[in-house]
């Protein structure tokens, strides 16, 4: 059966998400038939649940981190016939397919090469306060985020066209990959747009979210990377 989104691939990195991953995939596949899930060395039954959904499954034998899982998924999706647009999508149920539809429409209209989601363009009370502080601080002190005028440099919901996906190389395996992606975009000639998105915070997703110390670690990782380039 043909879909309006046959040219879109959702890339979902997953690590020990067995309790929710099938529901997330099945919900997303109602709109987006093409999904690749990278099981990043899970020690639970994530892979078994993924295999029941119709999504493509790629497995890392050991846990390499979200950055590596995203790069594996993008590389896989780029090889698929007819693939033009690529969305990075969380495994814990936070991201919404209606936001991906909106972001894909902007790419199809040739208004951008990359569309990034933001929790802060339209302020809501949903974002936990400590997460709000960490994320806003990261966007404020990051030179690359400021260059792109980003409000939410660590939002995992992104939609990119084939040109951007082909050029992108994620080398930071941990959570610092988000800052690496922003740095890549700031140094490129790609057209970048940021749009408001709805993030669904459940008790489960909150328990999996980044803490303040993880946010500090991300900034430390990026500062070391930038220092190494000098």
N, C-alpha and C. Protein backbone atom coordinates (compact mmCIF):
# COMPACT_ATOMS: atom_id res chain seq x y z
N UNK A 1 0.85 -1.20 0.00
CA UNK A 1 0.00 0.00 0.00
C UNK A 1 0.88 1.25 0.00
N UNK A 2 0.63 2.14 -0.94
CA UNK A 2 1.42 3.35 -1.05
C UNK A 2 1.08 4.34 0.06
N UNK A 3 2.09 5.07 0.50
CA UNK A 3 1.92 6.07 1.54
C UNK A 3 2.45 7.40 1.04
N UNK A 4 1.91 8.49 1.59
CA UNK A 4 2.43 9.81 1.27
C UNK A 4 3.85 10.00 1.78
N UNK A 5 4.31 9.08 2.63
CA UNK A 5 5.62 9.22 3.25
C UNK A 5 6.55 8.06 2.93
N UNK A 6 6.40 7.48 1.75
CA UNK A 6 7.29 6.40 1.35
C UNK A 6 8.73 6.85 1.19
N UNK A 7 8.94 8.16 1.02
CA UNK A 7 10.31 8.67 0.84
C UNK A 7 10.93 9.15 2.16
N UNK A 8 10.26 8.91 3.27
CA UNK A 8 10.73 9.33 4.59
C UNK A 8 11.14 8.10 5.40
N UNK A 9 12.29 8.20 6.06
CA UNK A 9 12.74 7.13 6.97
C UNK A 9 12.91 7.70 8.38
N UNK A 10 12.28 7.04 9.34
CA UNK A 10 12.51 7.36 10.74
C UNK A 10 13.66 6.51 11.25
N UNK A 11 14.60 7.16 11.91
CA UNK A 11 15.76 6.48 12.50
C UNK A 11 15.61 6.55 14.02
N UNK A 12 15.47 5.40 14.64
CA UNK A 12 15.22 5.33 16.08
C UNK A 12 16.35 4.57 16.77
N UNK A 13 17.16 5.26 17.58
CA UNK A 13 18.15 4.55 18.40
C UNK A 13 17.47 4.01 19.66
N UNK A 14 17.79 2.79 20.04
CA UNK A 14 17.12 2.19 21.20
C UNK A 14 18.12 1.44 22.07
N UNK A 15 18.02 1.67 23.36
CA UNK A 15 18.84 0.93 24.33
C UNK A 15 17.97 0.59 25.53
N UNK A 16 17.69 -0.68 25.69
CA UNK A 16 16.87 -1.18 26.80
C UNK A 16 15.53 -0.46 26.88
N UNK A 17 14.81 -0.47 25.76
CA UNK A 17 13.49 0.17 25.69
C UNK A 17 12.39 -0.86 25.48
N UNK A 18 12.62 -2.09 25.94
CA UNK A 18 11.69 -3.18 25.67
C UNK A 18 10.27 -2.94 26.14
N UNK A 19 10.10 -2.15 27.19
CA UNK A 19 8.75 -1.95 27.73
C UNK A 19 7.89 -1.03 26.88
N UNK A 20 8.53 -0.20 26.02
CA UNK A 20 7.75 0.79 25.27
C UNK A 20 8.01 0.76 23.77
N UNK A 21 9.09 0.15 23.31
CA UNK A 21 9.52 0.34 21.93
C UNK A 21 8.50 -0.13 20.91
N UNK A 22 7.82 -1.24 21.16
CA UNK A 22 6.83 -1.73 20.19
C UNK A 22 5.69 -0.74 20.01
N UNK A 23 5.21 -0.18 21.12
CA UNK A 23 4.12 0.80 21.03
C UNK A 23 4.56 2.05 20.28
N UNK A 24 5.80 2.51 20.54
CA UNK A 24 6.31 3.69 19.85
C UNK A 24 6.38 3.44 18.34
N UNK A 25 6.93 2.29 17.95
CA UNK A 25 7.06 1.98 16.53
C UNK A 25 5.69 1.83 15.87
N UNK A 26 4.81 1.09 16.50
CA UNK A 26 3.50 0.86 15.91
C UNK A 26 2.71 2.16 15.76
N UNK A 27 2.87 3.07 16.71
CA UNK A 27 2.22 4.36 16.58
C UNK A 27 2.79 5.17 15.43
N UNK A 28 4.11 5.15 15.29
CA UNK A 28 4.75 5.91 14.22
C UNK A 28 4.46 5.32 12.85
N UNK A 29 4.34 4.00 12.76
CA UNK A 29 4.12 3.36 11.46
C UNK A 29 2.72 3.60 10.90
N UNK A 30 1.81 4.13 11.72
CA UNK A 30 0.51 4.51 11.19
C UNK A 30 0.65 5.63 10.17
N UNK A 31 1.72 6.41 10.28
CA UNK A 31 1.98 7.51 9.35
C UNK A 31 3.21 7.23 8.49
N UNK A 32 4.26 6.71 9.11
CA UNK A 32 5.54 6.53 8.42
C UNK A 32 5.86 5.04 8.31
N UNK A 33 5.72 4.46 7.11
CA UNK A 33 5.91 3.02 6.98
C UNK A 33 7.36 2.58 7.09
N UNK A 34 8.30 3.50 6.84
CA UNK A 34 9.71 3.13 6.81
C UNK A 34 10.43 3.56 8.09
N UNK A 35 10.79 2.60 8.90
CA UNK A 35 11.46 2.87 10.17
C UNK A 35 12.61 1.90 10.33
N UNK A 36 13.77 2.42 10.69
CA UNK A 36 14.88 1.56 11.08
C UNK A 36 15.19 1.84 12.54
N UNK A 37 15.23 0.78 13.32
CA UNK A 37 15.56 0.89 14.73
C UNK A 37 16.92 0.26 14.95
N UNK A 38 17.81 1.00 15.58
CA UNK A 38 19.14 0.48 15.90
C UNK A 38 19.14 0.09 17.37
N UNK A 39 19.15 -1.23 17.61
CA UNK A 39 19.25 -1.73 18.98
C UNK A 39 20.71 -1.64 19.39
N UNK A 40 21.01 -0.68 20.27
CA UNK A 40 22.38 -0.34 20.61
C UNK A 40 22.90 -1.21 21.77
N UNK A 41 22.98 -2.52 21.51
CA UNK A 41 23.53 -3.42 22.52
C UNK A 41 22.64 -3.62 23.73
N UNK A 42 21.32 -3.58 23.53
CA UNK A 42 20.41 -3.74 24.67
C UNK A 42 20.62 -5.07 25.38
N UNK A 43 20.42 -5.04 26.69
CA UNK A 43 20.53 -6.26 27.49
C UNK A 43 19.16 -6.79 27.89
N UNK A 44 18.10 -6.11 27.42
CA UNK A 44 16.75 -6.59 27.70
C UNK A 44 16.19 -7.24 26.43
N UNK A 45 14.87 -7.27 26.29
CA UNK A 45 14.23 -7.92 25.15
C UNK A 45 13.80 -6.93 24.07
N UNK A 46 14.50 -5.81 23.96
CA UNK A 46 14.13 -4.79 22.97
C UNK A 46 14.05 -5.37 21.56
N UNK A 47 15.05 -6.14 21.15
CA UNK A 47 15.09 -6.66 19.78
C UNK A 47 13.89 -7.54 19.48
N UNK A 48 13.51 -8.37 20.44
CA UNK A 48 12.36 -9.25 20.23
C UNK A 48 11.09 -8.43 19.98
N UNK A 49 10.92 -7.35 20.73
CA UNK A 49 9.76 -6.50 20.54
C UNK A 49 9.82 -5.76 19.19
N UNK A 50 11.00 -5.30 18.82
CA UNK A 50 11.15 -4.58 17.55
C UNK A 50 10.77 -5.50 16.38
N UNK A 51 11.16 -6.75 16.46
CA UNK A 51 10.92 -7.68 15.35
C UNK A 51 9.45 -7.99 15.14
N UNK A 52 8.59 -7.63 16.08
CA UNK A 52 7.15 -7.88 15.92
C UNK A 52 6.44 -6.73 15.20
N UNK A 53 7.14 -5.65 14.90
CA UNK A 53 6.49 -4.41 14.47
C UNK A 53 6.52 -4.13 12.97
N UNK A 54 7.38 -4.81 12.22
CA UNK A 54 7.54 -4.48 10.81
C UNK A 54 8.62 -3.45 10.54
N UNK A 55 9.24 -2.92 11.59
CA UNK A 55 10.36 -2.01 11.41
C UNK A 55 11.61 -2.79 11.03
N UNK A 56 12.56 -2.12 10.39
CA UNK A 56 13.85 -2.71 10.09
C UNK A 56 14.69 -2.67 11.38
N UNK A 57 15.37 -3.75 11.66
CA UNK A 57 16.19 -3.85 12.86
C UNK A 57 17.65 -3.99 12.50
N UNK A 58 18.48 -3.11 13.08
CA UNK A 58 19.93 -3.22 13.00
C UNK A 58 20.44 -3.30 14.43
N UNK A 59 21.39 -4.21 14.69
CA UNK A 59 21.86 -4.41 16.05
C UNK A 59 23.35 -4.11 16.20
N UNK A 60 23.68 -3.37 17.25
CA UNK A 60 25.06 -3.24 17.69
C UNK A 60 25.33 -4.37 18.69
N UNK A 61 26.43 -5.08 18.56
CA UNK A 61 26.71 -6.17 19.51
C UNK A 61 26.97 -5.69 20.93
N UNK A 62 27.45 -4.46 21.07
CA UNK A 62 27.66 -3.85 22.38
C UNK A 62 27.11 -2.44 22.34
N UNK A 63 26.89 -1.86 23.52
CA UNK A 63 26.37 -0.49 23.60
C UNK A 63 27.45 0.51 23.20
N UNK A 64 27.19 1.28 22.15
CA UNK A 64 28.14 2.26 21.64
C UNK A 64 27.70 3.70 21.91
N UNK A 65 26.47 3.90 22.31
CA UNK A 65 25.98 5.25 22.58
C UNK A 65 25.06 5.74 21.47
N UNK A 66 24.26 6.75 21.81
CA UNK A 66 23.22 7.22 20.90
C UNK A 66 23.79 7.79 19.60
N UNK A 67 24.93 8.50 19.69
CA UNK A 67 25.52 9.05 18.47
C UNK A 67 25.85 7.97 17.47
N UNK A 68 26.48 6.91 17.92
CA UNK A 68 26.83 5.80 17.04
C UNK A 68 25.58 5.13 16.48
N UNK A 69 24.55 4.99 17.30
CA UNK A 69 23.31 4.36 16.83
C UNK A 69 22.65 5.21 15.74
N UNK A 70 22.66 6.53 15.92
CA UNK A 70 22.09 7.40 14.90
C UNK A 70 22.87 7.30 13.59
N UNK A 71 24.20 7.28 13.67
CA UNK A 71 24.99 7.19 12.46
C UNK A 71 24.75 5.86 11.75
N UNK A 72 24.66 4.78 12.49
CA UNK A 72 24.35 3.48 11.90
C UNK A 72 22.99 3.51 11.22
N UNK A 73 22.00 4.08 11.88
CA UNK A 73 20.66 4.14 11.31
C UNK A 73 20.59 4.99 10.07
N UNK A 74 21.25 6.15 10.08
CA UNK A 74 21.25 7.02 8.91
C UNK A 74 21.96 6.34 7.73
N UNK A 75 23.07 5.69 8.00
CA UNK A 75 23.79 4.99 6.94
C UNK A 75 22.92 3.90 6.32
N UNK A 76 22.18 3.19 7.16
CA UNK A 76 21.27 2.16 6.67
C UNK A 76 20.16 2.76 5.82
N UNK A 77 19.54 3.82 6.34
CA UNK A 77 18.40 4.43 5.63
C UNK A 77 18.82 5.04 4.30
N UNK A 78 20.01 5.60 4.24
CA UNK A 78 20.50 6.20 2.99
C UNK A 78 20.61 5.17 1.87
N UNK A 79 20.77 3.92 2.21
CA UNK A 79 20.92 2.87 1.20
C UNK A 79 19.58 2.35 0.68
N UNK A 80 18.49 2.81 1.27
CA UNK A 80 17.18 2.28 0.89
C UNK A 80 16.62 3.01 -0.34
N UNK A 81 16.04 2.28 -1.29
CA UNK A 81 15.51 2.89 -2.52
C UNK A 81 14.47 3.97 -2.21
N UNK A 82 14.60 5.11 -2.87
CA UNK A 82 13.61 6.17 -2.76
C UNK A 82 13.71 7.03 -1.52
N UNK A 83 14.68 6.78 -0.65
CA UNK A 83 14.79 7.55 0.60
C UNK A 83 15.27 8.97 0.31
N UNK A 84 14.49 9.96 0.73
CA UNK A 84 14.82 11.37 0.50
C UNK A 84 14.93 12.19 1.78
N UNK A 85 14.16 11.80 2.80
CA UNK A 85 14.10 12.56 4.04
C UNK A 85 14.29 11.62 5.22
N UNK A 86 14.97 12.12 6.26
CA UNK A 86 15.37 11.27 7.37
C UNK A 86 15.08 11.99 8.68
N UNK A 87 14.35 11.31 9.56
CA UNK A 87 13.98 11.90 10.84
C UNK A 87 14.62 11.10 11.97
N UNK A 88 15.30 11.79 12.89
CA UNK A 88 15.79 11.13 14.10
C UNK A 88 14.69 11.22 15.15
N UNK A 89 14.36 10.10 15.74
CA UNK A 89 13.13 9.96 16.53
C UNK A 89 13.43 9.14 17.77
N UNK A 90 13.03 9.62 18.94
CA UNK A 90 13.35 8.93 20.19
C UNK A 90 12.52 7.67 20.38
N UNK A 91 13.11 6.71 21.12
CA UNK A 91 12.47 5.41 21.35
C UNK A 91 11.54 5.41 22.56
N UNK A 92 11.54 6.49 23.34
CA UNK A 92 10.81 6.46 24.62
C UNK A 92 9.42 7.08 24.56
N UNK A 93 8.97 7.46 23.36
CA UNK A 93 7.61 7.98 23.22
C UNK A 93 7.48 9.48 23.38
N UNK A 94 8.60 10.20 23.48
CA UNK A 94 8.52 11.65 23.66
C UNK A 94 8.13 12.39 22.38
N UNK A 95 8.55 11.89 21.23
CA UNK A 95 8.34 12.61 19.98
C UNK A 95 7.00 12.27 19.34
N UNK A 96 6.47 13.23 18.59
CA UNK A 96 5.15 13.10 18.01
C UNK A 96 5.23 13.09 16.48
N UNK A 97 4.48 12.19 15.85
CA UNK A 97 4.55 12.07 14.39
C UNK A 97 3.99 13.30 13.68
N UNK A 98 3.05 14.03 14.31
CA UNK A 98 2.53 15.21 13.63
C UNK A 98 3.60 16.28 13.48
N UNK A 99 4.57 16.30 14.40
CA UNK A 99 5.69 17.23 14.25
C UNK A 99 6.58 16.82 13.08
N UNK A 100 6.81 15.53 12.92
CA UNK A 100 7.61 15.07 11.78
C UNK A 100 6.92 15.43 10.46
N UNK A 101 5.62 15.25 10.39
CA UNK A 101 4.88 15.63 9.18
C UNK A 101 5.09 17.10 8.85
N UNK A 102 4.98 17.95 9.85
CA UNK A 102 5.17 19.39 9.67
C UNK A 102 6.58 19.70 9.18
N UNK A 103 7.56 19.02 9.74
CA UNK A 103 8.95 19.28 9.40
C UNK A 103 9.28 18.77 7.99
N UNK A 104 8.73 17.62 7.64
CA UNK A 104 8.93 17.10 6.28
C UNK A 104 8.33 18.05 5.25
N UNK A 105 7.18 18.62 5.56
CA UNK A 105 6.53 19.55 4.63
C UNK A 105 7.42 20.75 4.33
N UNK A 106 8.14 21.22 5.32
CA UNK A 106 9.05 22.35 5.11
C UNK A 106 10.20 21.97 4.18
N UNK A 107 10.71 20.75 4.32
CA UNK A 107 11.77 20.30 3.42
C UNK A 107 11.24 20.11 2.01
N UNK A 108 10.07 19.55 1.88
CA UNK A 108 9.49 19.34 0.54
C UNK A 108 9.21 20.67 -0.16
N UNK A 109 8.91 21.70 0.62
CA UNK A 109 8.69 23.03 0.05
C UNK A 109 10.00 23.75 -0.23
N UNK A 110 11.12 23.08 0.05
CA UNK A 110 12.46 23.62 -0.18
C UNK A 110 12.72 24.88 0.63
N UNK A 111 12.14 24.92 1.82
CA UNK A 111 12.38 26.06 2.71
C UNK A 111 13.61 25.86 3.58
N UNK A 112 14.12 24.63 3.63
CA UNK A 112 15.30 24.33 4.45
C UNK A 112 15.86 22.99 4.01
N UNK A 113 17.10 22.72 4.42
CA UNK A 113 17.71 21.41 4.25
C UNK A 113 17.62 20.59 5.53
N UNK A 114 17.55 21.31 6.65
CA UNK A 114 17.50 20.68 7.97
C UNK A 114 16.47 21.42 8.81
N UNK A 115 15.57 20.68 9.44
CA UNK A 115 14.59 21.28 10.35
C UNK A 115 14.79 20.64 11.73
N UNK A 116 15.02 21.50 12.71
CA UNK A 116 15.26 21.06 14.08
C UNK A 116 14.07 21.39 14.96
N UNK A 117 13.76 20.51 15.87
CA UNK A 117 12.67 20.76 16.80
C UNK A 117 13.13 21.58 18.00
N UNK A 118 12.23 22.38 18.56
CA UNK A 118 12.55 23.17 19.74
C UNK A 118 11.41 23.09 20.75
N UNK A 119 11.79 22.94 22.01
CA UNK A 119 10.83 22.96 23.11
C UNK A 119 10.58 24.36 23.64
N UNK A 120 11.31 25.36 23.12
CA UNK A 120 11.32 26.66 23.76
C UNK A 120 10.86 27.82 22.88
N UNK A 121 10.59 27.59 21.60
CA UNK A 121 10.08 28.67 20.76
C UNK A 121 8.70 29.09 21.26
N UNK A 122 7.89 28.11 21.57
CA UNK A 122 6.58 28.36 22.18
C UNK A 122 6.65 27.78 23.58
N UNK A 123 6.77 28.63 24.58
CA UNK A 123 6.99 28.18 25.95
C UNK A 123 5.78 27.40 26.47
N UNK A 124 6.09 26.25 27.09
CA UNK A 124 5.05 25.48 27.77
C UNK A 124 5.56 25.10 29.15
N UNK A 125 4.68 24.60 29.96
CA UNK A 125 5.07 24.15 31.29
C UNK A 125 5.48 22.70 31.34
N UNK A 126 5.59 22.05 30.18
CA UNK A 126 5.84 20.61 30.16
C UNK A 126 7.29 20.25 30.48
N UNK A 127 8.24 21.08 30.09
CA UNK A 127 9.64 20.71 30.26
C UNK A 127 10.02 20.80 31.73
N UNK A 128 10.54 19.71 32.33
CA UNK A 128 10.97 19.76 33.72
C UNK A 128 11.96 20.89 33.94
N UNK A 129 11.86 21.55 35.08
CA UNK A 129 12.62 22.80 35.26
C UNK A 129 14.12 22.59 35.16
N UNK A 130 14.65 21.51 35.73
CA UNK A 130 16.10 21.32 35.67
C UNK A 130 16.57 21.04 34.25
N UNK A 131 15.74 20.31 33.49
CA UNK A 131 16.06 20.07 32.09
C UNK A 131 16.02 21.38 31.30
N UNK A 132 15.03 22.23 31.62
CA UNK A 132 14.93 23.52 30.95
C UNK A 132 16.19 24.36 31.19
N UNK A 133 16.65 24.38 32.45
CA UNK A 133 17.85 25.16 32.78
C UNK A 133 19.07 24.64 32.02
N UNK A 134 19.27 23.31 32.05
CA UNK A 134 20.43 22.72 31.38
C UNK A 134 20.39 23.00 29.88
N UNK A 135 19.24 22.77 29.26
CA UNK A 135 19.15 22.91 27.80
C UNK A 135 19.27 24.35 27.35
N UNK A 136 18.65 25.27 28.08
CA UNK A 136 18.76 26.68 27.71
C UNK A 136 20.19 27.19 27.91
N UNK A 137 20.84 26.70 28.98
CA UNK A 137 22.22 27.09 29.20
C UNK A 137 23.12 26.57 28.10
N UNK A 138 22.91 25.31 27.70
CA UNK A 138 23.72 24.73 26.63
C UNK A 138 23.58 25.52 25.34
N UNK A 139 22.36 25.93 25.00
CA UNK A 139 22.13 26.70 23.78
C UNK A 139 22.74 28.10 23.87
N UNK A 140 22.71 28.68 25.08
CA UNK A 140 23.20 30.04 25.26
C UNK A 140 24.72 30.13 25.18
N UNK A 141 25.41 29.16 25.79
CA UNK A 141 26.87 29.26 25.85
C UNK A 141 27.57 28.61 24.67
N UNK A 142 26.81 27.90 23.83
CA UNK A 142 27.43 27.24 22.67
C UNK A 142 27.60 28.23 21.52
N UNK A 143 28.82 28.48 21.06
CA UNK A 143 29.03 29.40 19.93
C UNK A 143 28.32 28.94 18.67
N UNK A 144 28.30 27.62 18.42
CA UNK A 144 27.66 27.13 17.20
C UNK A 144 26.14 27.26 17.28
N UNK A 145 25.57 27.02 18.46
CA UNK A 145 24.12 27.20 18.60
C UNK A 145 23.75 28.66 18.43
N UNK A 146 24.57 29.56 18.97
CA UNK A 146 24.30 31.00 18.81
C UNK A 146 24.41 31.41 17.34
N UNK A 147 25.35 30.83 16.62
CA UNK A 147 25.51 31.17 15.21
C UNK A 147 24.26 30.82 14.42
N UNK A 148 23.62 29.71 14.78
CA UNK A 148 22.41 29.27 14.10
C UNK A 148 21.14 29.84 14.73
N UNK A 149 21.29 30.64 15.80
CA UNK A 149 20.15 31.21 16.53
C UNK A 149 19.22 30.13 17.07
N UNK A 150 19.79 29.07 17.60
CA UNK A 150 18.99 27.97 18.12
C UNK A 150 18.56 28.24 19.56
N UNK A 151 17.37 27.80 19.88
CA UNK A 151 16.87 27.89 21.25
C UNK A 151 16.98 26.56 21.99
N UNK A 152 17.18 25.46 21.26
CA UNK A 152 17.14 24.12 21.86
C UNK A 152 18.13 23.22 21.11
N UNK A 153 19.41 23.37 21.43
CA UNK A 153 20.44 22.70 20.63
C UNK A 153 20.53 21.19 20.88
N UNK A 154 19.85 20.69 21.91
CA UNK A 154 19.91 19.26 22.21
C UNK A 154 18.56 18.57 22.06
N UNK A 155 17.73 19.05 21.16
CA UNK A 155 16.47 18.37 20.86
C UNK A 155 16.76 17.22 19.90
N UNK A 156 16.30 16.03 20.24
CA UNK A 156 16.59 14.85 19.42
C UNK A 156 15.73 14.71 18.19
N UNK A 157 14.69 15.54 18.04
CA UNK A 157 13.82 15.44 16.87
C UNK A 157 14.36 16.35 15.77
N UNK A 158 14.85 15.73 14.72
CA UNK A 158 15.42 16.45 13.57
C UNK A 158 14.94 15.78 12.30
N UNK A 159 14.70 16.57 11.26
CA UNK A 159 14.40 16.01 9.94
C UNK A 159 15.34 16.65 8.95
N UNK A 160 16.03 15.83 8.17
CA UNK A 160 17.05 16.33 7.25
C UNK A 160 16.83 15.75 5.86
N UNK A 161 17.25 16.50 4.84
CA UNK A 161 17.13 15.98 3.48
C UNK A 161 18.32 15.10 3.14
N UNK A 162 18.30 14.55 1.93
CA UNK A 162 19.34 13.59 1.55
C UNK A 162 20.72 14.24 1.49
N UNK A 163 20.79 15.47 1.00
CA UNK A 163 22.07 16.16 0.93
C UNK A 163 22.71 16.27 2.31
N UNK A 164 21.92 16.69 3.30
CA UNK A 164 22.44 16.84 4.65
C UNK A 164 22.82 15.48 5.24
N UNK A 165 21.98 14.47 5.03
CA UNK A 165 22.25 13.15 5.58
C UNK A 165 23.52 12.55 5.00
N UNK A 166 23.77 12.82 3.72
CA UNK A 166 24.97 12.29 3.08
C UNK A 166 26.23 12.94 3.63
N UNK A 167 26.16 14.23 3.96
CA UNK A 167 27.32 14.96 4.46
C UNK A 167 27.61 14.71 5.94
N UNK A 168 26.57 14.40 6.70
CA UNK A 168 26.71 14.29 8.15
C UNK A 168 27.50 13.03 8.53
N UNK A 169 28.48 13.20 9.41
CA UNK A 169 29.24 12.08 9.97
C UNK A 169 29.30 12.28 11.49
N UNK A 170 28.58 11.46 12.21
CA UNK A 170 28.55 11.55 13.67
C UNK A 170 29.68 10.68 14.22
N UNK A 171 30.63 11.28 14.92
CA UNK A 171 31.76 10.54 15.44
C UNK A 171 31.77 10.46 16.97
N UNK A 172 30.98 11.30 17.62
CA UNK A 172 30.91 11.25 19.09
C UNK A 172 29.80 10.28 19.47
N UNK A 173 30.18 9.19 20.11
CA UNK A 173 29.25 8.10 20.32
C UNK A 173 28.23 8.35 21.43
N UNK A 174 28.60 9.16 22.41
CA UNK A 174 27.70 9.40 23.53
C UNK A 174 26.68 10.48 23.24
N UNK A 175 26.13 11.07 24.31
CA UNK A 175 25.10 12.09 24.15
C UNK A 175 25.64 13.39 23.55
N UNK A 176 26.96 13.58 23.58
CA UNK A 176 27.54 14.81 23.03
C UNK A 176 27.40 14.89 21.52
N UNK A 177 26.86 13.83 20.90
CA UNK A 177 26.65 13.89 19.45
C UNK A 177 25.73 15.05 19.05
N UNK A 178 24.82 15.44 19.94
CA UNK A 178 23.90 16.53 19.60
C UNK A 178 24.66 17.83 19.36
N UNK A 179 25.64 18.11 20.21
CA UNK A 179 26.47 19.30 20.01
C UNK A 179 27.32 19.16 18.76
N UNK A 180 27.76 17.94 18.47
CA UNK A 180 28.55 17.71 17.26
C UNK A 180 27.71 18.00 16.01
N UNK A 181 26.46 17.59 16.02
CA UNK A 181 25.58 17.84 14.88
C UNK A 181 25.39 19.34 14.68
N UNK A 182 25.18 20.07 15.78
CA UNK A 182 25.01 21.52 15.68
C UNK A 182 26.27 22.17 15.12
N UNK A 183 27.43 21.71 15.58
CA UNK A 183 28.70 22.26 15.09
C UNK A 183 28.85 22.00 13.60
N UNK A 184 28.48 20.81 13.15
CA UNK A 184 28.53 20.48 11.73
C UNK A 184 27.62 21.40 10.92
N UNK A 185 26.42 21.63 11.41
CA UNK A 185 25.47 22.48 10.69
C UNK A 185 25.97 23.92 10.62
N UNK A 186 26.55 24.40 11.73
CA UNK A 186 27.03 25.78 11.76
C UNK A 186 28.18 25.99 10.78
N UNK A 187 28.96 24.95 10.54
CA UNK A 187 30.11 25.07 9.64
C UNK A 187 29.75 24.78 8.18
N UNK A 188 28.52 24.33 7.94
CA UNK A 188 28.10 23.95 6.60
C UNK A 188 27.37 25.09 5.91
N UNK A 189 27.03 24.87 4.64
CA UNK A 189 26.20 25.84 3.92
C UNK A 189 24.76 25.37 3.83
N UNK A 190 24.40 24.42 4.66
CA UNK A 190 23.03 23.91 4.68
C UNK A 190 22.09 24.93 5.31
N UNK A 191 20.86 24.97 4.82
CA UNK A 191 19.86 25.88 5.36
C UNK A 191 19.16 25.20 6.54
N UNK A 192 19.26 25.85 7.71
CA UNK A 192 18.77 25.26 8.95
C UNK A 192 17.61 26.08 9.49
N UNK A 193 16.54 25.39 9.88
CA UNK A 193 15.36 26.04 10.44
C UNK A 193 14.99 25.35 11.74
N UNK A 194 14.52 26.12 12.71
CA UNK A 194 14.07 25.57 13.98
C UNK A 194 12.57 25.84 14.13
N UNK A 195 11.81 24.82 14.53
CA UNK A 195 10.36 24.96 14.67
C UNK A 195 9.91 24.41 16.02
N UNK A 196 8.81 24.91 16.54
CA UNK A 196 8.30 24.38 17.81
C UNK A 196 7.76 22.96 17.65
N UNK A 197 8.01 22.12 18.64
CA UNK A 197 7.49 20.75 18.63
C UNK A 197 6.92 20.42 20.00
N UNK A 198 6.06 19.43 20.01
CA UNK A 198 5.44 18.96 21.25
C UNK A 198 6.21 17.76 21.78
N UNK A 199 6.69 17.85 23.00
CA UNK A 199 7.38 16.74 23.64
C UNK A 199 6.47 16.18 24.72
N UNK A 200 6.24 14.87 24.65
CA UNK A 200 5.37 14.22 25.62
C UNK A 200 6.22 13.64 26.74
N UNK A 201 6.16 14.26 27.92
CA UNK A 201 6.93 13.78 29.06
C UNK A 201 6.05 12.86 29.91
N UNK A 202 6.41 11.59 29.91
CA UNK A 202 5.75 10.61 30.77
C UNK A 202 6.68 10.29 31.94
N UNK A 203 6.17 9.55 32.92
CA UNK A 203 7.03 9.13 34.03
C UNK A 203 8.19 8.31 33.49
N UNK A 204 7.91 7.50 32.47
CA UNK A 204 8.96 6.66 31.90
C UNK A 204 10.03 7.51 31.21
N UNK A 205 9.61 8.44 30.35
CA UNK A 205 10.59 9.25 29.63
C UNK A 205 11.37 10.16 30.58
N UNK A 206 10.71 10.64 31.62
CA UNK A 206 11.43 11.46 32.60
C UNK A 206 12.54 10.64 33.28
N UNK A 207 12.25 9.38 33.55
CA UNK A 207 13.24 8.54 34.23
C UNK A 207 14.43 8.25 33.33
N UNK A 208 14.23 8.35 32.01
CA UNK A 208 15.32 8.08 31.07
C UNK A 208 16.06 9.35 30.66
N UNK A 209 15.55 10.52 31.06
CA UNK A 209 16.09 11.78 30.57
C UNK A 209 17.44 12.12 31.16
N UNK A 210 18.07 13.17 30.58
CA UNK A 210 19.38 13.61 31.02
C UNK A 210 19.29 14.36 32.35
N UNK A 211 20.23 14.10 33.21
CA UNK A 211 20.34 14.82 34.47
C UNK A 211 21.24 16.03 34.27
N UNK A 212 21.33 16.83 35.33
CA UNK A 212 22.19 18.01 35.27
C UNK A 212 23.64 17.61 35.02
N UNK A 213 24.11 16.54 35.66
CA UNK A 213 25.51 16.15 35.49
C UNK A 213 25.77 15.69 34.07
N UNK A 214 24.78 15.04 33.41
CA UNK A 214 24.94 14.63 32.03
C UNK A 214 25.08 15.86 31.13
N UNK A 215 24.32 16.91 31.45
CA UNK A 215 24.43 18.13 30.67
C UNK A 215 25.81 18.75 30.79
N UNK A 216 26.36 18.75 32.00
CA UNK A 216 27.72 19.26 32.20
C UNK A 216 28.72 18.41 31.44
N UNK A 217 28.53 17.09 31.44
CA UNK A 217 29.44 16.20 30.72
C UNK A 217 29.42 16.46 29.23
N UNK A 218 28.25 16.78 28.67
CA UNK A 218 28.15 17.09 27.25
C UNK A 218 28.99 18.31 26.92
N UNK A 219 28.84 19.36 27.71
CA UNK A 219 29.60 20.58 27.47
C UNK A 219 31.10 20.33 27.62
N UNK A 220 31.48 19.49 28.57
CA UNK A 220 32.89 19.18 28.77
C UNK A 220 33.44 18.42 27.57
N UNK A 221 32.66 17.44 27.07
CA UNK A 221 33.10 16.66 25.91
C UNK A 221 33.31 17.55 24.70
N UNK A 222 32.38 18.47 24.48
CA UNK A 222 32.48 19.35 23.32
C UNK A 222 33.65 20.31 23.47
N UNK A 223 33.88 20.82 24.69
CA UNK A 223 34.99 21.74 24.89
C UNK A 223 36.33 21.05 24.61
N UNK A 224 36.44 19.79 25.00
CA UNK A 224 37.67 19.05 24.70
C UNK A 224 37.82 18.84 23.21
N UNK A 225 36.72 18.57 22.54
CA UNK A 225 36.77 18.36 21.08
C UNK A 225 37.22 19.62 20.38
N UNK A 226 36.65 20.77 20.79
CA UNK A 226 37.01 22.03 20.14
C UNK A 226 38.46 22.39 20.45
N UNK A 227 38.91 22.10 21.66
CA UNK A 227 40.29 22.40 22.03
C UNK A 227 41.26 21.57 21.18
N UNK A 228 40.84 20.32 20.88
CA UNK A 228 41.68 19.46 20.08
C UNK A 228 41.83 19.90 18.65
N UNK A 229 40.89 20.74 18.18
CA UNK A 229 40.95 21.22 16.80
C UNK A 229 41.90 22.41 16.63
N UNK A 230 42.25 23.03 17.76
CA UNK A 230 43.06 24.26 17.70
C UNK A 230 44.54 23.92 17.47
